[in-house]
Amino acid sequence: MIMCNRSVVFSSGIINFGGCNHCNRENFPVQTLVWGDVRMDFYVHKQDWMGRTTKKLLFFNVWNTNFYPGKTQLVFPKKKLDILSKDRKHITVDEDFELTLHISENVSNN
């Protein structure tokens, strides 16, 4: 989920990633307009034996677009991601885990 100034601007359904020993990156082509305060929440979705799905917040990231003018890429290492920064034994994700955002200033009205 992506929120700008506390308003939801993007909410995916369930996006699956991982599970591939030879993969070291996953791309999520999310094209949405962000401005000001941005919060990105990432959840783990689990299904129990009765088919009920629950979600648990895995990590979140908060940043403001005004602090990164003209940047086309933002990289947030694990230690800068809320909740994951406390995973010092690397149980949840690997030590070198990072979130990379590719940013474009072009806005298209499709």
PDB file of N, CA and C in Angstrom:
ATOM      1  N   MET A   1       0.842  -1.162   0.000  1.00  0.00           N
ATOM      2  CA  MET A   1       0.000   0.000   0.000  1.00  0.00           C
ATOM      3  C   MET A   1       0.893   1.231   0.000  1.00  0.00           C
ATOM      4  N   ILE A   2       0.526   2.235  -0.796  1.00  0.00           N
ATOM      5  CA  ILE A   2       1.266   3.492  -0.835  1.00  0.00           C
ATOM      6  C   ILE A   2       0.310   4.608  -0.437  1.00  0.00           C
ATOM      7  N   MET A   3       0.743   5.420   0.535  1.00  0.00           N
ATOM      8  CA  MET A   3      -0.063   6.542   0.988  1.00  0.00           C
ATOM      9  C   MET A   3       0.720   7.831   0.806  1.00  0.00           C
ATOM     10  N   CYS A   4       0.031   8.872   0.365  1.00  0.00           N
ATOM     11  CA  CYS A   4       0.610  10.207   0.268  1.00  0.00           C
ATOM     12  C   CYS A   4      -0.221  11.121   1.146  1.00  0.00           C
ATOM     13  N   ASN A   5       0.457  11.807   2.047  1.00  0.00           N
ATOM     14  CA  ASN A   5      -0.228  12.709   2.967  1.00  0.00           C
ATOM     15  C   ASN A   5      -1.439  12.028   3.616  1.00  0.00           C
ATOM     16  N   ARG A   6      -1.217  10.776   4.027  1.00  0.00           N
ATOM     17  CA  ARG A   6      -2.188   9.930   4.739  1.00  0.00           C
ATOM     18  C   ARG A   6      -3.369   9.464   3.893  1.00  0.00           C
ATOM     19  N   SER A   7      -3.338   9.698   2.594  1.00  0.00           N
ATOM     20  CA  SER A   7      -4.393   9.208   1.702  1.00  0.00           C
ATOM     21  C   SER A   7      -3.835   8.057   0.877  1.00  0.00           C
ATOM     22  N   VAL A   8      -4.592   6.970   0.764  1.00  0.00           N
ATOM     23  CA  VAL A   8      -4.148   5.817  -0.017  1.00  0.00           C
ATOM     24  C   VAL A   8      -4.190   6.179  -1.500  1.00  0.00           C
ATOM     25  N   VAL A   9      -3.049   6.010  -2.193  1.00  0.00           N
ATOM     26  CA  VAL A   9      -2.997   6.278  -3.627  1.00  0.00           C
ATOM     27  C   VAL A   9      -2.773   4.997  -4.425  1.00  0.00           C
ATOM     28  N   PHE A  10      -2.355   3.922  -3.755  1.00  0.00           N
ATOM     29  CA  PHE A  10      -2.186   2.640  -4.425  1.00  0.00           C
ATOM     30  C   PHE A  10      -2.306   1.527  -3.406  1.00  0.00           C
ATOM     31  N   SER A  11      -3.099   0.531  -3.728  1.00  0.00           N
ATOM     32  CA  SER A  11      -3.197  -0.652  -2.896  1.00  0.00           C
ATOM     33  C   SER A  11      -3.266  -1.852  -3.821  1.00  0.00           C
ATOM     34  N   SER A  12      -2.226  -2.667  -3.792  1.00  0.00           N
ATOM     35  CA  SER A  12      -2.221  -3.850  -4.651  1.00  0.00           C
ATOM     36  C   SER A  12      -3.075  -4.911  -3.995  1.00  0.00           C
ATOM     37  N   GLY A  13      -3.361  -5.907  -4.694  1.00  0.00           N
ATOM     38  CA  GLY A  13      -3.951  -7.070  -4.059  1.00  0.00           C
ATOM     39  C   GLY A  13      -2.810  -7.788  -3.393  1.00  0.00           C
ATOM     40  N   ILE A  14      -2.582  -8.995  -3.792  1.00  0.00           N
ATOM     41  CA  ILE A  14      -1.451  -9.759  -3.269  1.00  0.00           C
ATOM     42  C   ILE A  14      -0.415  -9.871  -4.380  1.00  0.00           C
ATOM     43  N   ILE A  15       0.797  -9.472  -4.085  1.00  0.00           N
ATOM     44  CA  ILE A  15       1.901  -9.602  -5.027  1.00  0.00           C
ATOM     45  C   ILE A  15       2.838 -10.660  -4.468  1.00  0.00           C
ATOM     46  N   ASN A  16       3.067 -11.695  -5.230  1.00  0.00           N
ATOM     47  CA  ASN A  16       3.965 -12.753  -4.788  1.00  0.00           C
ATOM     48  C   ASN A  16       5.372 -12.459  -5.255  1.00  0.00           C
ATOM     49  N   PHE A  17       6.345 -12.694  -4.395  1.00  0.00           N
ATOM     50  CA  PHE A  17       7.733 -12.584  -4.789  1.00  0.00           C
ATOM     51  C   PHE A  17       8.551 -13.534  -3.947  1.00  0.00           C
ATOM     52  N   GLY A  18       9.773 -13.746  -4.376  1.00  0.00           N
ATOM     53  CA  GLY A  18      10.641 -14.664  -3.656  1.00  0.00           C
ATOM     54  C   GLY A  18      10.377 -16.097  -4.065  1.00  0.00           C
ATOM     55  N   GLY A  19      10.896 -17.009  -3.260  1.00  0.00           N
ATOM     56  CA  GLY A  19      10.719 -18.423  -3.539  1.00  0.00           C
ATOM     57  C   GLY A  19      11.600 -18.928  -4.662  1.00  0.00           C
ATOM     58  N   CYS A  20      12.555 -18.128  -5.058  1.00  0.00           N
ATOM     59  CA  CYS A  20      13.430 -18.488  -6.162  1.00  0.00           C
ATOM     60  C   CYS A  20      14.866 -18.338  -5.684  1.00  0.00           C
ATOM     61  N   ASN A  21      15.557 -19.447  -5.530  1.00  0.00           N
ATOM     62  CA  ASN A  21      16.907 -19.409  -4.965  1.00  0.00           C
ATOM     63  C   ASN A  21      17.897 -18.626  -5.817  1.00  0.00           C
ATOM     64  N   HIS A  22      17.686 -18.584  -7.133  1.00  0.00           N
ATOM     65  CA  HIS A  22      18.635 -17.889  -7.986  1.00  0.00           C
ATOM     66  C   HIS A  22      18.221 -16.440  -8.271  1.00  0.00           C
ATOM     67  N   CYS A  23      17.110 -16.002  -7.740  1.00  0.00           N
ATOM     68  CA  CYS A  23      16.659 -14.625  -7.959  1.00  0.00           C
ATOM     69  C   CYS A  23      17.198 -13.731  -6.842  1.00  0.00           C
ATOM     70  N   ASN A  24      17.670 -12.572  -7.200  1.00  0.00           N
ATOM     71  CA  ASN A  24      18.152 -11.663  -6.172  1.00  0.00           C
ATOM     72  C   ASN A  24      17.460 -10.310  -6.234  1.00  0.00           C
ATOM     73  N   ARG A  25      16.442 -10.189  -7.084  1.00  0.00           N
ATOM     74  CA  ARG A  25      15.669  -8.949  -7.109  1.00  0.00           C
ATOM     75  C   ARG A  25      14.278  -9.236  -7.653  1.00  0.00           C
ATOM     76  N   GLU A  26      13.356  -8.414  -7.227  1.00  0.00           N
ATOM     77  CA  GLU A  26      11.985  -8.500  -7.727  1.00  0.00           C
ATOM     78  C   GLU A  26      11.557  -7.108  -8.132  1.00  0.00           C
ATOM     79  N   ASN A  27      10.871  -6.998  -9.242  1.00  0.00           N
ATOM     80  CA  ASN A  27      10.381  -5.713  -9.718  1.00  0.00           C
ATOM     81  C   ASN A  27       8.860  -5.674  -9.648  1.00  0.00           C
ATOM     82  N   PHE A  28       8.348  -4.591  -9.123  1.00  0.00           N
ATOM     83  CA  PHE A  28       6.917  -4.374  -9.065  1.00  0.00           C
ATOM     84  C   PHE A  28       6.623  -3.101  -9.840  1.00  0.00           C
ATOM     85  N   PRO A  29       6.151  -3.205 -11.061  1.00  0.00           N
ATOM     86  CA  PRO A  29       5.925  -2.011 -11.877  1.00  0.00           C
ATOM     87  C   PRO A  29       4.685  -1.232 -11.420  1.00  0.00           C
ATOM     88  N   VAL A  30       4.846  -0.457 -10.382  1.00  0.00           N
ATOM     89  CA  VAL A  30       3.753   0.341  -9.837  1.00  0.00           C
ATOM     90  C   VAL A  30       3.901   1.749 -10.378  1.00  0.00           C
ATOM     91  N   GLN A  31       2.922   2.196 -11.104  1.00  0.00           N
ATOM     92  CA  GLN A  31       2.966   3.543 -11.657  1.00  0.00           C
ATOM     93  C   GLN A  31       1.877   4.363 -10.982  1.00  0.00           C
ATOM     94  N   THR A  32       2.297   5.164 -10.033  1.00  0.00           N
ATOM     95  CA  THR A  32       1.352   5.994  -9.299  1.00  0.00           C
ATOM     96  C   THR A  32       2.034   7.305  -8.935  1.00  0.00           C
ATOM     97  N   LEU A  33       1.262   8.348  -8.855  1.00  0.00           N
ATOM     98  CA  LEU A  33       1.775   9.674  -8.534  1.00  0.00           C
ATOM     99  C   LEU A  33       1.946   9.806  -7.025  1.00  0.00           C
ATOM    100  N   VAL A  34       3.134  10.206  -6.590  1.00  0.00           N
ATOM    101  CA  VAL A  34       3.393  10.437  -5.171  1.00  0.00           C
ATOM    102  C   VAL A  34       3.913  11.855  -4.982  1.00  0.00           C
ATOM    103  N   TRP A  35       3.601  12.427  -3.833  1.00  0.00           N
ATOM    104  CA  TRP A  35       4.038  13.778  -3.511  1.00  0.00           C
ATOM    105  C   TRP A  35       4.022  13.948  -2.002  1.00  0.00           C
ATOM    106  N   GLY A  36       4.837  14.860  -1.519  1.00  0.00           N
ATOM    107  CA  GLY A  36       4.857  15.149  -0.078  1.00  0.00           C
ATOM    108  C   GLY A  36       5.283  13.948   0.741  1.00  0.00           C
ATOM    109  N   ASP A  37       4.594  13.745   1.862  1.00  0.00           N
ATOM    110  CA  ASP A  37       4.888  12.603   2.731  1.00  0.00           C
ATOM    111  C   ASP A  37       4.387  11.316   2.085  1.00  0.00           C
ATOM    112  N   VAL A  38       5.288  10.342   1.961  1.00  0.00           N
ATOM    113  CA  VAL A  38       4.954   9.060   1.340  1.00  0.00           C
ATOM    114  C   VAL A  38       5.241   7.956   2.342  1.00  0.00           C
ATOM    115  N   ARG A  39       4.293   7.040   2.490  1.00  0.00           N
ATOM    116  CA  ARG A  39       4.497   5.852   3.323  1.00  0.00           C
ATOM    117  C   ARG A  39       4.165   4.639   2.471  1.00  0.00           C
ATOM    118  N   MET A  40       5.085   3.681   2.457  1.00  0.00           N
ATOM    119  CA  MET A  40       4.870   2.439   1.726  1.00  0.00           C
ATOM    120  C   MET A  40       4.852   1.304   2.729  1.00  0.00           C
ATOM    121  N   ASP A  41       3.763   0.551   2.754  1.00  0.00           N
ATOM    122  CA  ASP A  41       3.614  -0.593   3.650  1.00  0.00           C
ATOM    123  C   ASP A  41       3.737  -1.882   2.848  1.00  0.00           C
ATOM    124  N   PHE A  42       4.467  -2.838   3.375  1.00  0.00           N
ATOM    125  CA  PHE A  42       4.634  -4.145   2.750  1.00  0.00           C
ATOM    126  C   PHE A  42       4.158  -5.210   3.733  1.00  0.00           C
ATOM    127  N   TYR A  43       3.265  -6.063   3.287  1.00  0.00           N
ATOM    128  CA  TYR A  43       2.646  -7.075   4.146  1.00  0.00           C
ATOM    129  C   TYR A  43       3.016  -8.482   3.703  1.00  0.00           C
ATOM    130  N   VAL A  44       2.973  -9.392   4.642  1.00  0.00           N
ATOM    131  CA  VAL A  44       3.057 -10.821   4.367  1.00  0.00           C
ATOM    132  C   VAL A  44       1.632 -11.352   4.471  1.00  0.00           C
ATOM    133  N   HIS A  45       1.183 -12.027   3.417  1.00  0.00           N
ATOM    134  CA  HIS A  45      -0.154 -12.620   3.413  1.00  0.00           C
ATOM    135  C   HIS A  45      -0.017 -14.114   3.635  1.00  0.00           C
ATOM    136  N   LYS A  46      -0.768 -14.629   4.585  1.00  0.00           N
ATOM    137  CA  LYS A  46      -0.731 -16.061   4.880  1.00  0.00           C
ATOM    138  C   LYS A  46      -2.145 -16.617   4.794  1.00  0.00           C
ATOM    139  N   GLN A  47      -2.226 -17.861   4.351  1.00  0.00           N
ATOM    140  CA  GLN A  47      -3.518 -18.529   4.252  1.00  0.00           C
ATOM    141  C   GLN A  47      -3.503 -19.733   5.187  1.00  0.00           C
ATOM    142  N   ASP A  48      -4.540 -19.832   6.028  1.00  0.00           N
ATOM    143  CA  ASP A  48      -4.595 -20.963   6.945  1.00  0.00           C
ATOM    144  C   ASP A  48      -5.230 -22.171   6.259  1.00  0.00           C
ATOM    145  N   TRP A  49      -5.351 -23.250   6.970  1.00  0.00           N
ATOM    146  CA  TRP A  49      -5.854 -24.495   6.402  1.00  0.00           C
ATOM    147  C   TRP A  49      -7.319 -24.409   5.996  1.00  0.00           C
ATOM    148  N   MET A  50      -8.041 -23.397   6.506  1.00  0.00           N
ATOM    149  CA  MET A  50      -9.448 -23.229   6.124  1.00  0.00           C
ATOM    150  C   MET A  50      -9.609 -22.243   4.966  1.00  0.00           C
ATOM    151  N   GLY A  51      -8.489 -21.745   4.440  1.00  0.00           N
ATOM    152  CA  GLY A  51      -8.555 -20.849   3.296  1.00  0.00           C
ATOM    153  C   GLY A  51      -8.684 -19.372   3.653  1.00  0.00           C
ATOM    154  N   ARG A  52      -8.658 -19.053   4.946  1.00  0.00           N
ATOM    155  CA  ARG A  52      -8.748 -17.647   5.359  1.00  0.00           C
ATOM    156  C   ARG A  52      -7.376 -16.997   5.208  1.00  0.00           C
ATOM    157  N   THR A  53      -7.392 -15.783   4.691  1.00  0.00           N
ATOM    158  CA  THR A  53      -6.145 -15.057   4.488  1.00  0.00           C
ATOM    159  C   THR A  53      -6.005 -13.958   5.527  1.00  0.00           C
ATOM    160  N   THR A  54      -4.822 -13.894   6.113  1.00  0.00           N
ATOM    161  CA  THR A  54      -4.511 -12.815   7.055  1.00  0.00           C
ATOM    162  C   THR A  54      -3.275 -12.094   6.544  1.00  0.00           C
ATOM    163  N   LYS A  55      -3.121 -10.862   6.971  1.00  0.00           N
ATOM    164  CA  LYS A  55      -1.920 -10.136   6.575  1.00  0.00           C
ATOM    165  C   LYS A  55      -1.256  -9.552   7.805  1.00  0.00           C
ATOM    166  N   LYS A  56       0.084  -9.519   7.737  1.00  0.00           N
ATOM    167  CA  LYS A  56       0.887  -8.979   8.821  1.00  0.00           C
ATOM    168  C   LYS A  56       1.875  -7.998   8.204  1.00  0.00           C
ATOM    169  N   LEU A  57       2.022  -6.845   8.831  1.00  0.00           N
ATOM    170  CA  LEU A  57       2.946  -5.835   8.336  1.00  0.00           C
ATOM    171  C   LEU A  57       4.371  -6.358   8.433  1.00  0.00           C
ATOM    172  N   LEU A  58       5.061  -6.478   7.298  1.00  0.00           N
ATOM    173  CA  LEU A  58       6.448  -6.955   7.261  1.00  0.00           C
ATOM    174  C   LEU A  58       7.404  -5.794   7.498  1.00  0.00           C
ATOM    175  N   PHE A  59       7.211  -4.688   6.775  1.00  0.00           N
ATOM    176  CA  PHE A  59       8.001  -3.479   6.994  1.00  0.00           C
ATOM    177  C   PHE A  59       7.306  -2.305   6.336  1.00  0.00           C
ATOM    178  N   PHE A  60       7.742  -1.097   6.692  1.00  0.00           N
ATOM    179  CA  PHE A  60       7.233   0.094   6.031  1.00  0.00           C
ATOM    180  C   PHE A  60       8.355   1.096   5.880  1.00  0.00           C
ATOM    181  N   ASN A  61       8.127   2.043   4.990  1.00  0.00           N
ATOM    182  CA  ASN A  61       9.116   3.051   4.669  1.00  0.00           C
ATOM    183  C   ASN A  61       8.415   4.392   4.557  1.00  0.00           C
ATOM    184  N   VAL A  62       8.971   5.412   5.195  1.00  0.00           N
ATOM    185  CA  VAL A  62       8.379   6.746   5.169  1.00  0.00           C
ATOM    186  C   VAL A  62       9.429   7.724   4.655  1.00  0.00           C
ATOM    187  N   TRP A  63       9.034   8.560   3.695  1.00  0.00           N
ATOM    188  CA  TRP A  63       9.937   9.558   3.159  1.00  0.00           C
ATOM    189  C   TRP A  63       9.125  10.703   2.575  1.00  0.00           C
ATOM    190  N   ASN A  64       9.789  11.813   2.291  1.00  0.00           N
ATOM    191  CA  ASN A  64       9.111  12.978   1.740  1.00  0.00           C
ATOM    192  C   ASN A  64       9.769  13.341   0.417  1.00  0.00           C
ATOM    193  N   THR A  65       8.960  13.550  -0.603  1.00  0.00           N
ATOM    194  CA  THR A  65       9.471  13.844  -1.943  1.00  0.00           C
ATOM    195  C   THR A  65      10.291  15.131  -1.982  1.00  0.00           C
ATOM    196  N   ASN A  66      10.035  16.049  -1.082  1.00  0.00           N
ATOM    197  CA  ASN A  66      10.773  17.324  -1.081  1.00  0.00           C
ATOM    198  C   ASN A  66      12.244  17.163  -0.700  1.00  0.00           C
ATOM    199  N   PHE A  67      12.602  16.061  -0.035  1.00  0.00           N
ATOM    200  CA  PHE A  67      13.990  15.833   0.355  1.00  0.00           C
ATOM    201  C   PHE A  67      14.821  15.204  -0.763  1.00  0.00           C
ATOM    202  N   TYR A  68      14.186  14.816  -1.868  1.00  0.00           N
ATOM    203  CA  TYR A  68      14.884  14.136  -2.952  1.00  0.00           C
ATOM    204  C   TYR A  68      14.580  14.784  -4.304  1.00  0.00           C
ATOM    205  N   PRO A  69      14.728  16.095  -4.435  1.00  0.00           N
ATOM    206  CA  PRO A  69      14.394  16.738  -5.710  1.00  0.00           C
ATOM    207  C   PRO A  69      15.337  16.288  -6.823  1.00  0.00           C
ATOM    208  N   GLY A  70      14.769  15.958  -7.968  1.00  0.00           N
ATOM    209  CA  GLY A  70      15.564  15.558  -9.126  1.00  0.00           C
ATOM    210  C   GLY A  70      16.126  14.157  -9.078  1.00  0.00           C
ATOM    211  N   LYS A  71      15.916  13.431  -7.990  1.00  0.00           N
ATOM    212  CA  LYS A  71      16.432  12.060  -7.891  1.00  0.00           C
ATOM    213  C   LYS A  71      15.594  11.138  -8.770  1.00  0.00           C
ATOM    214  N   THR A  72      16.246  10.208  -9.444  1.00  0.00           N
ATOM    215  CA  THR A  72      15.543   9.217 -10.262  1.00  0.00           C
ATOM    216  C   THR A  72      15.572   7.837  -9.620  1.00  0.00           C
ATOM    217  N   GLN A  73      16.349   7.693  -8.564  1.00  0.00           N
ATOM    218  CA  GLN A  73      16.418   6.413  -7.865  1.00  0.00           C
ATOM    219  C   GLN A  73      16.685   6.661  -6.383  1.00  0.00           C
ATOM    220  N   LEU A  74      15.906   5.998  -5.550  1.00  0.00           N
ATOM    221  CA  LEU A  74      16.119   6.047  -4.104  1.00  0.00           C
ATOM    222  C   LEU A  74      16.409   4.633  -3.634  1.00  0.00           C
ATOM    223  N   VAL A  75      17.450   4.479  -2.831  1.00  0.00           N
ATOM    224  CA  VAL A  75      17.808   3.168  -2.297  1.00  0.00           C
ATOM    225  C   VAL A  75      17.753   3.251  -0.780  1.00  0.00           C
ATOM    226  N   PHE A  76      16.948   2.367  -0.186  1.00  0.00           N
ATOM    227  CA  PHE A  76      16.820   2.301   1.263  1.00  0.00           C
ATOM    228  C   PHE A  76      17.343   0.945   1.725  1.00  0.00           C
ATOM    229  N   PRO A  77      18.510   0.908   2.389  1.00  0.00           N
ATOM    230  CA  PRO A  77      19.018  -0.369   2.899  1.00  0.00           C
ATOM    231  C   PRO A  77      18.149  -0.867   4.053  1.00  0.00           C
ATOM    232  N   LYS A  78      18.341  -2.106   4.390  1.00  0.00           N
ATOM    233  CA  LYS A  78      17.553  -2.747   5.447  1.00  0.00           C
ATOM    234  C   LYS A  78      17.526  -1.924   6.731  1.00  0.00           C
ATOM    235  N   LYS A  79      18.654  -1.337   7.112  1.00  0.00           N
ATOM    236  CA  LYS A  79      18.714  -0.579   8.366  1.00  0.00           C
ATOM    237  C   LYS A  79      17.873   0.695   8.333  1.00  0.00           C
ATOM    238  N   LYS A  80      17.414   1.127   7.140  1.00  0.00           N
ATOM    239  CA  LYS A  80      16.569   2.315   7.015  1.00  0.00           C
ATOM    240  C   LYS A  80      15.088   1.967   6.838  1.00  0.00           C
ATOM    241  N   LEU A  81      14.751   0.678   6.883  1.00  0.00           N
ATOM    242  CA  LEU A  81      13.367   0.230   6.725  1.00  0.00           C
ATOM    243  C   LEU A  81      12.793  -0.107   8.097  1.00  0.00           C
ATOM    244  N   ASP A  82      11.701   0.569   8.440  1.00  0.00           N
ATOM    245  CA  ASP A  82      11.088   0.364   9.755  1.00  0.00           C
ATOM    246  C   ASP A  82      10.654  -1.085   9.914  1.00  0.00           C
ATOM    247  N   ILE A  83      10.809  -1.609  11.075  1.00  0.00           N
ATOM    248  CA  ILE A  83      10.560  -2.986  11.514  1.00  0.00           C
ATOM    249  C   ILE A  83      11.722  -3.887  11.100  1.00  0.00           C
ATOM    250  N   LEU A  84      12.118  -3.876   9.820  1.00  0.00           N
ATOM    251  CA  LEU A  84      13.228  -4.726   9.383  1.00  0.00           C
ATOM    252  C   LEU A  84      14.553  -4.305   9.995  1.00  0.00           C
ATOM    253  N   SER A  85      14.691  -3.045  10.352  1.00  0.00           N
ATOM    254  CA  SER A  85      15.948  -2.583  10.942  1.00  0.00           C
ATOM    255  C   SER A  85      16.242  -3.278  12.268  1.00  0.00           C
ATOM    256  N   LYS A  86      15.222  -3.844  12.882  1.00  0.00           N
ATOM    257  CA  LYS A  86      15.402  -4.564  14.155  1.00  0.00           C
ATOM    258  C   LYS A  86      15.746  -6.040  13.949  1.00  0.00           C
ATOM    259  N   ASP A  87      15.738  -6.501  12.706  1.00  0.00           N
ATOM    260  CA  ASP A  87      16.029  -7.896  12.374  1.00  0.00           C
ATOM    261  C   ASP A  87      17.545  -8.085  12.260  1.00  0.00           C
ATOM    262  N   ARG A  88      18.243  -7.945  13.363  1.00  0.00           N
ATOM    263  CA  ARG A  88      19.709  -7.983  13.360  1.00  0.00           C
ATOM    264  C   ARG A  88      20.280  -9.389  13.157  1.00  0.00           C
ATOM    265  N   LYS A  89      19.474 -10.413  13.401  1.00  0.00           N
ATOM    266  CA  LYS A  89      19.930 -11.789  13.176  1.00  0.00           C
ATOM    267  C   LYS A  89      19.550 -12.276  11.781  1.00  0.00           C
ATOM    268  N   HIS A  90      18.920 -11.408  10.976  1.00  0.00           N
ATOM    269  CA  HIS A  90      18.574 -11.683   9.581  1.00  0.00           C
ATOM    270  C   HIS A  90      17.663 -12.899   9.439  1.00  0.00           C
ATOM    271  N   ILE A  91      16.675 -12.975  10.311  1.00  0.00           N
ATOM    272  CA  ILE A  91      15.708 -14.071  10.281  1.00  0.00           C
ATOM    273  C   ILE A  91      14.623 -13.793   9.244  1.00  0.00           C
ATOM    274  N   THR A  92      14.159 -12.560   9.173  1.00  0.00           N
ATOM    275  CA  THR A  92      13.072 -12.199   8.268  1.00  0.00           C
ATOM    276  C   THR A  92      13.554 -12.049   6.835  1.00  0.00           C
ATOM    277  N   VAL A  93      14.618 -11.290   6.636  1.00  0.00           N
ATOM    278  CA  VAL A  93      15.209 -11.095   5.305  1.00  0.00           C
ATOM    279  C   VAL A  93      16.733 -11.110   5.431  1.00  0.00           C
ATOM    280  N   ASP A  94      17.407 -11.238   4.289  1.00  0.00           N
ATOM    281  CA  ASP A  94      18.870 -11.262   4.269  1.00  0.00           C
ATOM    282  C   ASP A  94      19.455  -9.931   4.720  1.00  0.00           C
ATOM    283  N   GLU A  95      20.718  -9.983   5.114  1.00  0.00           N
ATOM    284  CA  GLU A  95      21.426  -8.803   5.598  1.00  0.00           C
ATOM    285  C   GLU A  95      21.526  -7.711   4.533  1.00  0.00           C
ATOM    286  N   ASP A  96      21.662  -8.093   3.267  1.00  0.00           N
ATOM    287  CA  ASP A  96      21.833  -7.123   2.193  1.00  0.00           C
ATOM    288  C   ASP A  96      20.513  -6.705   1.534  1.00  0.00           C
ATOM    289  N   PHE A  97      19.393  -7.007   2.152  1.00  0.00           N
ATOM    290  CA  PHE A  97      18.085  -6.622   1.625  1.00  0.00           C
ATOM    291  C   PHE A  97      17.999  -5.103   1.524  1.00  0.00           C
ATOM    292  N   GLU A  98      17.432  -4.614   0.418  1.00  0.00           N
ATOM    293  CA  GLU A  98      17.217  -3.174   0.259  1.00  0.00           C
ATOM    294  C   GLU A  98      16.006  -2.924  -0.629  1.00  0.00           C
ATOM    295  N   LEU A  99      15.448  -1.752  -0.475  1.00  0.00           N
ATOM    296  CA  LEU A  99      14.311  -1.309  -1.275  1.00  0.00           C
ATOM    297  C   LEU A  99      14.830  -0.227  -2.218  1.00  0.00           C
ATOM    298  N   THR A 100      14.659  -0.435  -3.524  1.00  0.00           N
ATOM    299  CA  THR A 100      15.085   0.543  -4.518  1.00  0.00           C
ATOM    300  C   THR A 100      13.859   1.048  -5.256  1.00  0.00           C
ATOM    301  N   LEU A 101      13.709   2.355  -5.280  1.00  0.00           N
ATOM    302  CA  LEU A 101      12.588   2.988  -5.988  1.00  0.00           C
ATOM    303  C   LEU A 101      13.139   3.748  -7.184  1.00  0.00           C
ATOM    304  N   HIS A 102      12.588   3.473  -8.357  1.00  0.00           N
ATOM    305  CA  HIS A 102      12.936   4.225  -9.558  1.00  0.00           C
ATOM    306  C   HIS A 102      11.849   5.251  -9.776  1.00  0.00           C
ATOM    307  N   ILE A 103      12.257   6.506  -9.882  1.00  0.00           N
ATOM    308  CA  ILE A 103      11.303   7.609  -9.900  1.00  0.00           C
ATOM    309  C   ILE A 103      11.399   8.357 -11.219  1.00  0.00           C
ATOM    310  N   SER A 104      10.261   8.717 -11.762  1.00  0.00           N
ATOM    311  CA  SER A 104      10.205   9.517 -12.966  1.00  0.00           C
ATOM    312  C   SER A 104       9.372  10.750 -12.677  1.00  0.00           C
ATOM    313  N   GLU A 105       9.798  11.888 -13.192  1.00  0.00           N
ATOM    314  CA  GLU A 105       9.022  13.103 -13.014  1.00  0.00           C
ATOM    315  C   GLU A 105       7.955  13.252 -14.093  1.00  0.00           C
ATOM    316  N   ASN A 106       7.960  12.364 -15.068  1.00  0.00           N
ATOM    317  CA  ASN A 106       6.976  12.423 -16.140  1.00  0.00           C
ATOM    318  C   ASN A 106       5.643  11.888 -15.649  1.00  0.00           C
ATOM    319  N   VAL A 107       4.613  12.659 -15.861  1.00  0.00           N
ATOM    320  CA  VAL A 107       3.268  12.239 -15.494  1.00  0.00           C
ATOM    321  C   VAL A 107       2.469  12.092 -16.774  1.00  0.00           C
ATOM    322  N   SER A 108       1.946  10.894 -17.017  1.00  0.00           N
ATOM    323  CA  SER A 108       1.136  10.692 -18.215  1.00  0.00           C
ATOM    324  C   SER A 108      -0.300  10.422 -17.821  1.00  0.00           C
ATOM    325  N   ASN A 109      -1.193  10.913 -18.577  1.00  0.00           N
ATOM    326  CA  ASN A 109      -2.626  10.698 -18.338  1.00  0.00           C
ATOM    327  C   ASN A 109      -3.143   9.662 -19.300  1.00  0.00           C
ATOM    328  N   ASN A 110      -3.005   8.394 -18.947  1.00  0.00           N
ATOM    329  CA  ASN A 110      -3.474   7.308 -19.795  1.00  0.00           C
ATOM    330  C   ASN A 110      -4.893   6.957 -19.491  1.00  0.00           C
TER     331      ASN A 110
END
